[in-house]
Amino acid sequence: MLGYGSTLRNVGKFDKAIAILRSGARTYPRDKSFLVFLALTLHSAGKKTEALRIALKVISDLDKHDLTIRRYRRSLAHYRRTLNSQ
């Protein structure tokens, strides 16, 4: 689900990506990576306030031992660099 939602985001199908990623976040509530990619998608869709709200929630709830987000470290670093160049 995460890969599919991320792919939809990358091809500009934001509404569908948002729906998939929200569904994944509900289905797998302990896997915070769905929320991170949802925040990226919301940002891409121009919903910056909601994106920031979700990102801040993930950050504030983050456990340093949580591997669900760390496994996407390279991808997230790439997206961060992309945002920095805009």
PDB file of N, CA and C in Angstrom:
ATOM      1  N   MET A   1       0.821  -1.199   0.000  1.00  0.00           N
ATOM      2  CA  MET A   1       0.000   0.000   0.000  1.00  0.00           C
ATOM      3  C   MET A   1       0.864   1.263   0.000  1.00  0.00           C
ATOM      4  N   LEU A   2       1.922   1.224   0.781  1.00  0.00           N
ATOM      5  CA  LEU A   2       2.778   2.401   0.865  1.00  0.00           C
ATOM      6  C   LEU A   2       3.447   2.679  -0.479  1.00  0.00           C
ATOM      7  N   GLY A   3       3.984   1.644  -1.096  1.00  0.00           N
ATOM      8  CA  GLY A   3       4.628   1.807  -2.395  1.00  0.00           C
ATOM      9  C   GLY A   3       3.660   2.293  -3.458  1.00  0.00           C
ATOM     10  N   TYR A   4       2.457   1.753  -3.435  1.00  0.00           N
ATOM     11  CA  TYR A   4       1.441   2.155  -4.410  1.00  0.00           C
ATOM     12  C   TYR A   4       1.060   3.623  -4.194  1.00  0.00           C
ATOM     13  N   GLY A   5       0.823   4.002  -2.944  1.00  0.00           N
ATOM     14  CA  GLY A   5       0.475   5.390  -2.641  1.00  0.00           C
ATOM     15  C   GLY A   5       1.591   6.347  -3.033  1.00  0.00           C
ATOM     16  N   SER A   6       2.828   5.950  -2.756  1.00  0.00           N
ATOM     17  CA  SER A   6       3.971   6.785  -3.111  1.00  0.00           C
ATOM     18  C   SER A   6       4.106   6.923  -4.621  1.00  0.00           C
ATOM     19  N   THR A   7       3.891   5.837  -5.330  1.00  0.00           N
ATOM     20  CA  THR A   7       3.951   5.873  -6.797  1.00  0.00           C
ATOM     21  C   THR A   7       2.873   6.792  -7.358  1.00  0.00           C
ATOM     22  N   LEU A   8       1.672   6.694  -6.816  1.00  0.00           N
ATOM     23  CA  LEU A   8       0.591   7.583  -7.259  1.00  0.00           C
ATOM     24  C   LEU A   8       0.969   9.049  -7.029  1.00  0.00           C
ATOM     25  N   ARG A   9       1.588   9.322  -5.904  1.00  0.00           N
ATOM     26  CA  ARG A   9       2.049  10.691  -5.629  1.00  0.00           C
ATOM     27  C   ARG A   9       3.056  11.133  -6.682  1.00  0.00           C
ATOM     28  N   ASN A  10       4.001  10.254  -6.989  1.00  0.00           N
ATOM     29  CA  ASN A  10       5.065  10.596  -7.941  1.00  0.00           C
ATOM     30  C   ASN A  10       4.543  10.848  -9.347  1.00  0.00           C
ATOM     31  N   VAL A  11       3.399  10.275  -9.694  1.00  0.00           N
ATOM     32  CA  VAL A  11       2.833  10.508 -11.029  1.00  0.00           C
ATOM     33  C   VAL A  11       1.709  11.552 -10.993  1.00  0.00           C
ATOM     34  N   GLY A  12       1.565  12.227  -9.849  1.00  0.00           N
ATOM     35  CA  GLY A  12       0.624  13.337  -9.757  1.00  0.00           C
ATOM     36  C   GLY A  12      -0.820  12.974  -9.485  1.00  0.00           C
ATOM     37  N   LYS A  13      -1.088  11.742  -9.108  1.00  0.00           N
ATOM     38  CA  LYS A  13      -2.465  11.331  -8.787  1.00  0.00           C
ATOM     39  C   LYS A  13      -2.678  11.472  -7.275  1.00  0.00           C
ATOM     40  N   PHE A  14      -2.706  12.726  -6.842  1.00  0.00           N
ATOM     41  CA  PHE A  14      -2.676  13.031  -5.422  1.00  0.00           C
ATOM     42  C   PHE A  14      -3.906  12.546  -4.657  1.00  0.00           C
ATOM     43  N   ASP A  15      -5.103  12.754  -5.204  1.00  0.00           N
ATOM     44  CA  ASP A  15      -6.309  12.352  -4.478  1.00  0.00           C
ATOM     45  C   ASP A  15      -6.325  10.853  -4.211  1.00  0.00           C
ATOM     46  N   LYS A  16      -5.985  10.078  -5.211  1.00  0.00           N
ATOM     47  CA  LYS A  16      -5.960   8.626  -5.043  1.00  0.00           C
ATOM     48  C   LYS A  16      -4.845   8.219  -4.065  1.00  0.00           C
ATOM     49  N   ALA A  17      -3.693   8.862  -4.181  1.00  0.00           N
ATOM     50  CA  ALA A  17      -2.582   8.571  -3.268  1.00  0.00           C
ATOM     51  C   ALA A  17      -2.975   8.882  -1.832  1.00  0.00           C
ATOM     52  N   ILE A  18      -3.632  10.011  -1.618  1.00  0.00           N
ATOM     53  CA  ILE A  18      -4.072  10.391  -0.277  1.00  0.00           C
ATOM     54  C   ILE A  18      -5.019   9.338   0.284  1.00  0.00           C
ATOM     55  N   ALA A  19      -5.960   8.892  -0.526  1.00  0.00           N
ATOM     56  CA  ALA A  19      -6.916   7.877  -0.065  1.00  0.00           C
ATOM     57  C   ALA A  19      -6.204   6.576   0.313  1.00  0.00           C
ATOM     58  N   ILE A  20      -5.276   6.140  -0.520  1.00  0.00           N
ATOM     59  CA  ILE A  20      -4.534   4.894  -0.256  1.00  0.00           C
ATOM     60  C   ILE A  20      -3.708   5.025   1.017  1.00  0.00           C
ATOM     61  N   LEU A  21      -2.995   6.131   1.158  1.00  0.00           N
ATOM     62  CA  LEU A  21      -2.129   6.319   2.318  1.00  0.00           C
ATOM     63  C   LEU A  21      -2.927   6.498   3.605  1.00  0.00           C
ATOM     64  N   ARG A  22      -4.070   7.176   3.528  1.00  0.00           N
ATOM     65  CA  ARG A  22      -4.946   7.273   4.715  1.00  0.00           C
ATOM     66  C   ARG A  22      -5.447   5.883   5.113  1.00  0.00           C
ATOM     67  N   SER A  23      -5.819   5.103   4.125  1.00  0.00           N
ATOM     68  CA  SER A  23      -6.273   3.739   4.396  1.00  0.00           C
ATOM     69  C   SER A  23      -5.160   2.912   5.036  1.00  0.00           C
ATOM     70  N   GLY A  24      -3.959   3.035   4.515  1.00  0.00           N
ATOM     71  CA  GLY A  24      -2.826   2.319   5.095  1.00  0.00           C
ATOM     72  C   GLY A  24      -2.559   2.734   6.528  1.00  0.00           C
ATOM     73  N   ALA A  25      -2.676   4.039   6.803  1.00  0.00           N
ATOM     74  CA  ALA A  25      -2.455   4.541   8.165  1.00  0.00           C
ATOM     75  C   ALA A  25      -3.510   3.993   9.123  1.00  0.00           C
ATOM     76  N   ARG A  26      -4.735   3.832   8.643  1.00  0.00           N
ATOM     77  CA  ARG A  26      -5.795   3.243   9.491  1.00  0.00           C
ATOM     78  C   ARG A  26      -5.583   1.745   9.680  1.00  0.00           C
ATOM     79  N   THR A  27      -5.182   1.070   8.611  1.00  0.00           N
ATOM     80  CA  THR A  27      -4.992  -0.382   8.657  1.00  0.00           C
ATOM     81  C   THR A  27      -3.775  -0.766   9.490  1.00  0.00           C
ATOM     82  N   TYR A  28      -2.711   0.025   9.389  1.00  0.00           N
ATOM     83  CA  TYR A  28      -1.453  -0.255  10.092  1.00  0.00           C
ATOM     84  C   TYR A  28      -1.072   0.947  10.959  1.00  0.00           C
ATOM     85  N   PRO A  29      -1.807   1.205  12.025  1.00  0.00           N
ATOM     86  CA  PRO A  29      -1.587   2.424  12.816  1.00  0.00           C
ATOM     87  C   PRO A  29      -0.219   2.508  13.492  1.00  0.00           C
ATOM     88  N   ARG A  30       0.445   1.402  13.674  1.00  0.00           N
ATOM     89  CA  ARG A  30       1.766   1.438  14.307  1.00  0.00           C
ATOM     90  C   ARG A  30       2.876   1.769  13.314  1.00  0.00           C
ATOM     91  N   ASP A  31       2.583   1.675  12.026  1.00  0.00           N
ATOM     92  CA  ASP A  31       3.570   1.972  10.982  1.00  0.00           C
ATOM     93  C   ASP A  31       3.434   3.448  10.586  1.00  0.00           C
ATOM     94  N   LYS A  32       4.263   4.278  11.190  1.00  0.00           N
ATOM     95  CA  LYS A  32       4.176   5.726  10.986  1.00  0.00           C
ATOM     96  C   LYS A  32       4.649   6.167   9.603  1.00  0.00           C
ATOM     97  N   SER A  33       5.254   5.266   8.846  1.00  0.00           N
ATOM     98  CA  SER A  33       5.707   5.647   7.509  1.00  0.00           C
ATOM     99  C   SER A  33       4.530   6.032   6.613  1.00  0.00           C
ATOM    100  N   PHE A  34       3.354   5.449   6.855  1.00  0.00           N
ATOM    101  CA  PHE A  34       2.183   5.855   6.070  1.00  0.00           C
ATOM    102  C   PHE A  34       1.883   7.335   6.299  1.00  0.00           C
ATOM    103  N   LEU A  35       2.004   7.786   7.546  1.00  0.00           N
ATOM    104  CA  LEU A  35       1.730   9.191   7.844  1.00  0.00           C
ATOM    105  C   LEU A  35       2.774  10.107   7.228  1.00  0.00           C
ATOM    106  N   VAL A  36       4.022   9.681   7.213  1.00  0.00           N
ATOM    107  CA  VAL A  36       5.080  10.497   6.614  1.00  0.00           C
ATOM    108  C   VAL A  36       4.832  10.671   5.120  1.00  0.00           C
ATOM    109  N   PHE A  37       4.527   9.580   4.439  1.00  0.00           N
ATOM    110  CA  PHE A  37       4.279   9.670   2.999  1.00  0.00           C
ATOM    111  C   PHE A  37       2.950  10.370   2.709  1.00  0.00           C
ATOM    112  N   LEU A  38       1.986  10.260   3.620  1.00  0.00           N
ATOM    113  CA  LEU A  38       0.745  11.022   3.480  1.00  0.00           C
ATOM    114  C   LEU A  38       1.052  12.512   3.573  1.00  0.00           C
ATOM    115  N   ALA A  39       1.895  12.904   4.522  1.00  0.00           N
ATOM    116  CA  ALA A  39       2.264  14.315   4.651  1.00  0.00           C
ATOM    117  C   ALA A  39       2.951  14.816   3.377  1.00  0.00           C
ATOM    118  N   LEU A  40       3.847  14.016   2.811  1.00  0.00           N
ATOM    119  CA  LEU A  40       4.499  14.399   1.550  1.00  0.00           C
ATOM    120  C   LEU A  40       3.471  14.582   0.434  1.00  0.00           C
ATOM    121  N   THR A  41       2.518  13.686   0.381  1.00  0.00           N
ATOM    122  CA  THR A  41       1.499  13.745  -0.663  1.00  0.00           C
ATOM    123  C   THR A  41       0.599  14.956  -0.486  1.00  0.00           C
ATOM    124  N   LEU A  42       0.194  15.218   0.743  1.00  0.00           N
ATOM    125  CA  LEU A  42      -0.626  16.404   1.010  1.00  0.00           C
ATOM    126  C   LEU A  42       0.134  17.671   0.623  1.00  0.00           C
ATOM    127  N   HIS A  43       1.408  17.713   0.933  1.00  0.00           N
ATOM    128  CA  HIS A  43       2.230  18.862   0.552  1.00  0.00           C
ATOM    129  C   HIS A  43       2.241  19.027  -0.967  1.00  0.00           C
ATOM    130  N   SER A  44       2.459  17.927  -1.675  1.00  0.00           N
ATOM    131  CA  SER A  44       2.469  17.976  -3.143  1.00  0.00           C
ATOM    132  C   SER A  44       1.128  18.418  -3.711  1.00  0.00           C
ATOM    133  N   ALA A  45       0.054  18.089  -2.992  1.00  0.00           N
ATOM    134  CA  ALA A  45      -1.297  18.444  -3.443  1.00  0.00           C
ATOM    135  C   ALA A  45      -1.682  19.864  -3.029  1.00  0.00           C
ATOM    136  N   GLY A  46      -0.738  20.589  -2.398  1.00  0.00           N
ATOM    137  CA  GLY A  46      -1.013  21.969  -2.006  1.00  0.00           C
ATOM    138  C   GLY A  46      -1.691  22.106  -0.655  1.00  0.00           C
ATOM    139  N   LYS A  47      -1.819  21.013   0.080  1.00  0.00           N
ATOM    140  CA  LYS A  47      -2.475  21.036   1.394  1.00  0.00           C
ATOM    141  C   LYS A  47      -1.388  21.112   2.473  1.00  0.00           C
ATOM    142  N   LYS A  48      -0.689  22.225   2.468  1.00  0.00           N
ATOM    143  CA  LYS A  48       0.520  22.366   3.268  1.00  0.00           C
ATOM    144  C   LYS A  48       0.259  22.384   4.771  1.00  0.00           C
ATOM    145  N   THR A  49      -0.825  22.993   5.217  1.00  0.00           N
ATOM    146  CA  THR A  49      -1.121  23.045   6.653  1.00  0.00           C
ATOM    147  C   THR A  49      -1.394  21.648   7.194  1.00  0.00           C
ATOM    148  N   GLU A  50      -2.214  20.879   6.507  1.00  0.00           N
ATOM    149  CA  GLU A  50      -2.496  19.514   6.950  1.00  0.00           C
ATOM    150  C   GLU A  50      -1.226  18.658   6.902  1.00  0.00           C
ATOM    151  N   ALA A  51      -0.418  18.858   5.872  1.00  0.00           N
ATOM    152  CA  ALA A  51       0.844  18.112   5.756  1.00  0.00           C
ATOM    153  C   ALA A  51       1.747  18.396   6.945  1.00  0.00           C
ATOM    154  N   LEU A  52       1.886  19.656   7.305  1.00  0.00           N
ATOM    155  CA  LEU A  52       2.735  20.024   8.429  1.00  0.00           C
ATOM    156  C   LEU A  52       2.171  19.491   9.745  1.00  0.00           C
ATOM    157  N   ARG A  53       0.857  19.537   9.906  1.00  0.00           N
ATOM    158  CA  ARG A  53       0.227  19.019  11.118  1.00  0.00           C
ATOM    159  C   ARG A  53       0.553  17.542  11.303  1.00  0.00           C
ATOM    160  N   ILE A  54       0.429  16.768  10.221  1.00  0.00           N
ATOM    161  CA  ILE A  54       0.719  15.332  10.291  1.00  0.00           C
ATOM    162  C   ILE A  54       2.207  15.101  10.555  1.00  0.00           C
ATOM    163  N   ALA A  55       3.060  15.831   9.863  1.00  0.00           N
ATOM    164  CA  ALA A  55       4.507  15.667  10.056  1.00  0.00           C
ATOM    165  C   ALA A  55       4.906  15.972  11.493  1.00  0.00           C
ATOM    166  N   LEU A  56       4.352  17.033  12.059  1.00  0.00           N
ATOM    167  CA  LEU A  56       4.675  17.379  13.440  1.00  0.00           C
ATOM    168  C   LEU A  56       4.156  16.339  14.422  1.00  0.00           C
ATOM    169  N   LYS A  57       3.005  15.738  14.123  1.00  0.00           N
ATOM    170  CA  LYS A  57       2.482  14.678  14.982  1.00  0.00           C
ATOM    171  C   LYS A  57       3.432  13.480  14.964  1.00  0.00           C
ATOM    172  N   VAL A  58       3.874  13.094  13.781  1.00  0.00           N
ATOM    173  CA  VAL A  58       4.798  11.957  13.684  1.00  0.00           C
ATOM    174  C   VAL A  58       6.082  12.253  14.452  1.00  0.00           C
ATOM    175  N   ILE A  59       6.613  13.452  14.268  1.00  0.00           N
ATOM    176  CA  ILE A  59       7.852  13.820  14.951  1.00  0.00           C
ATOM    177  C   ILE A  59       7.664  13.806  16.462  1.00  0.00           C
ATOM    178  N   SER A  60       6.577  14.373  16.934  1.00  0.00           N
ATOM    179  CA  SER A  60       6.376  14.449  18.380  1.00  0.00           C
ATOM    180  C   SER A  60       6.114  13.082  19.001  1.00  0.00           C
ATOM    181  N   ASP A  61       5.569  12.149  18.230  1.00  0.00           N
ATOM    182  CA  ASP A  61       5.291  10.800  18.728  1.00  0.00           C
ATOM    183  C   ASP A  61       6.423   9.816  18.461  1.00  0.00           C
ATOM    184  N   LEU A  62       7.463  10.266  17.778  1.00  0.00           N
ATOM    185  CA  LEU A  62       8.501   9.367  17.305  1.00  0.00           C
ATOM    186  C   LEU A  62       9.277   8.714  18.444  1.00  0.00           C
ATOM    187  N   ASP A  63       9.447   7.438  18.322  1.00  0.00           N
ATOM    188  CA  ASP A  63      10.260   6.648  19.246  1.00  0.00           C
ATOM    189  C   ASP A  63      11.573   6.370  18.527  1.00  0.00           C
ATOM    190  N   LYS A  64      12.698   6.612  19.185  1.00  0.00           N
ATOM    191  CA  LYS A  64      13.987   6.447  18.516  1.00  0.00           C
ATOM    192  C   LYS A  64      14.243   5.015  18.064  1.00  0.00           C
ATOM    193  N   HIS A  65      13.484   4.076  18.585  1.00  0.00           N
ATOM    194  CA  HIS A  65      13.657   2.675  18.204  1.00  0.00           C
ATOM    195  C   HIS A  65      12.690   2.246  17.093  1.00  0.00           C
ATOM    196  N   ASP A  66      11.874   3.182  16.624  1.00  0.00           N
ATOM    197  CA  ASP A  66      10.866   2.876  15.603  1.00  0.00           C
ATOM    198  C   ASP A  66      11.541   2.667  14.252  1.00  0.00           C
ATOM    199  N   LEU A  67      11.496   1.451  13.761  1.00  0.00           N
ATOM    200  CA  LEU A  67      12.132   1.126  12.485  1.00  0.00           C
ATOM    201  C   LEU A  67      11.234   1.380  11.286  1.00  0.00           C
ATOM    202  N   THR A  68       9.941   1.637  11.513  1.00  0.00           N
ATOM    203  CA  THR A  68       9.023   1.784  10.378  1.00  0.00           C
ATOM    204  C   THR A  68       9.379   2.978   9.504  1.00  0.00           C
ATOM    205  N   ILE A  69       9.887   4.025  10.078  1.00  0.00           N
ATOM    206  CA  ILE A  69      10.263   5.197   9.287  1.00  0.00           C
ATOM    207  C   ILE A  69      11.718   5.111   8.862  1.00  0.00           C
ATOM    208  N   ARG A  70      12.570   4.615   9.733  1.00  0.00           N
ATOM    209  CA  ARG A  70      14.007   4.562   9.428  1.00  0.00           C
ATOM    210  C   ARG A  70      14.313   3.774   8.162  1.00  0.00           C
ATOM    211  N   ARG A  71      13.495   2.798   7.825  1.00  0.00           N
ATOM    212  CA  ARG A  71      13.783   2.017   6.620  1.00  0.00           C
ATOM    213  C   ARG A  71      13.589   2.832   5.344  1.00  0.00           C
ATOM    214  N   TYR A  72      12.921   3.979   5.452  1.00  0.00           N
ATOM    215  CA  TYR A  72      12.706   4.857   4.293  1.00  0.00           C
ATOM    216  C   TYR A  72      13.625   6.076   4.342  1.00  0.00           C
ATOM    217  N   ARG A  73      14.684   5.992   5.100  1.00  0.00           N
ATOM    218  CA  ARG A  73      15.593   7.113   5.316  1.00  0.00           C
ATOM    219  C   ARG A  73      16.129   7.687   4.001  1.00  0.00           C
ATOM    220  N   ARG A  74      16.591   6.835   3.093  1.00  0.00           N
ATOM    221  CA  ARG A  74      17.139   7.329   1.813  1.00  0.00           C
ATOM    222  C   ARG A  74      16.082   8.044   0.984  1.00  0.00           C
ATOM    223  N   SER A  75      14.904   7.445   0.883  1.00  0.00           N
ATOM    224  CA  SER A  75      13.828   8.075   0.107  1.00  0.00           C
ATOM    225  C   SER A  75      13.444   9.421   0.702  1.00  0.00           C
ATOM    226  N   LEU A  76      13.310   9.465   2.021  1.00  0.00           N
ATOM    227  CA  LEU A  76      12.919  10.709   2.678  1.00  0.00           C
ATOM    228  C   LEU A  76      14.003  11.774   2.535  1.00  0.00           C
ATOM    229  N   ALA A  77      15.272  11.365   2.591  1.00  0.00           N
ATOM    230  CA  ALA A  77      16.368  12.319   2.380  1.00  0.00           C
ATOM    231  C   ALA A  77      16.300  12.894   0.963  1.00  0.00           C
ATOM    232  N   HIS A  78      15.978  12.058  -0.014  1.00  0.00           N
ATOM    233  CA  HIS A  78      15.828  12.529  -1.402  1.00  0.00           C
ATOM    234  C   HIS A  78      14.699  13.555  -1.488  1.00  0.00           C
ATOM    235  N   TYR A  79      13.546  13.253  -0.888  1.00  0.00           N
ATOM    236  CA  TYR A  79      12.423  14.189  -0.943  1.00  0.00           C
ATOM    237  C   TYR A  79      12.762  15.484  -0.219  1.00  0.00           C
ATOM    238  N   ARG A  80      13.519  15.412   0.879  1.00  0.00           N
ATOM    239  CA  ARG A  80      13.932  16.607   1.602  1.00  0.00           C
ATOM    240  C   ARG A  80      14.801  17.477   0.695  1.00  0.00           C
ATOM    241  N   ARG A  81      15.749  16.862  -0.023  1.00  0.00           N
ATOM    242  CA  ARG A  81      16.608  17.623  -0.937  1.00  0.00           C
ATOM    243  C   ARG A  81      15.768  18.258  -2.042  1.00  0.00           C
ATOM    244  N   THR A  82      14.770  17.546  -2.519  1.00  0.00           N
ATOM    245  CA  THR A  82      13.886  18.078  -3.552  1.00  0.00           C
ATOM    246  C   THR A  82      13.153  19.315  -3.037  1.00  0.00           C
ATOM    247  N   LEU A  83      12.660  19.245  -1.804  1.00  0.00           N
ATOM    248  CA  LEU A  83      11.970  20.398  -1.222  1.00  0.00           C
ATOM    249  C   LEU A  83      12.924  21.559  -1.022  1.00  0.00           C
ATOM    250  N   ASN A  84      14.158  21.267  -0.636  1.00  0.00           N
ATOM    251  CA  ASN A  84      15.149  22.329  -0.415  1.00  0.00           C
ATOM    252  C   ASN A  84      15.480  23.061  -1.701  1.00  0.00           C
ATOM    253  N   SER A  85      15.367  22.400  -2.842  1.00  0.00           N
ATOM    254  CA  SER A  85      15.725  23.037  -4.111  1.00  0.00           C
ATOM    255  C   SER A  85      14.573  23.822  -4.730  1.00  0.00           C
ATOM    256  N   GLN A  86      13.426  23.800  -4.109  1.00  0.00           N
ATOM    257  CA  GLN A  86      12.265  24.525  -4.666  1.00  0.00           C
ATOM    258  C   GLN A  86      12.252  25.965  -4.216  1.00  0.00           C
TER     259      GLN A  86
END
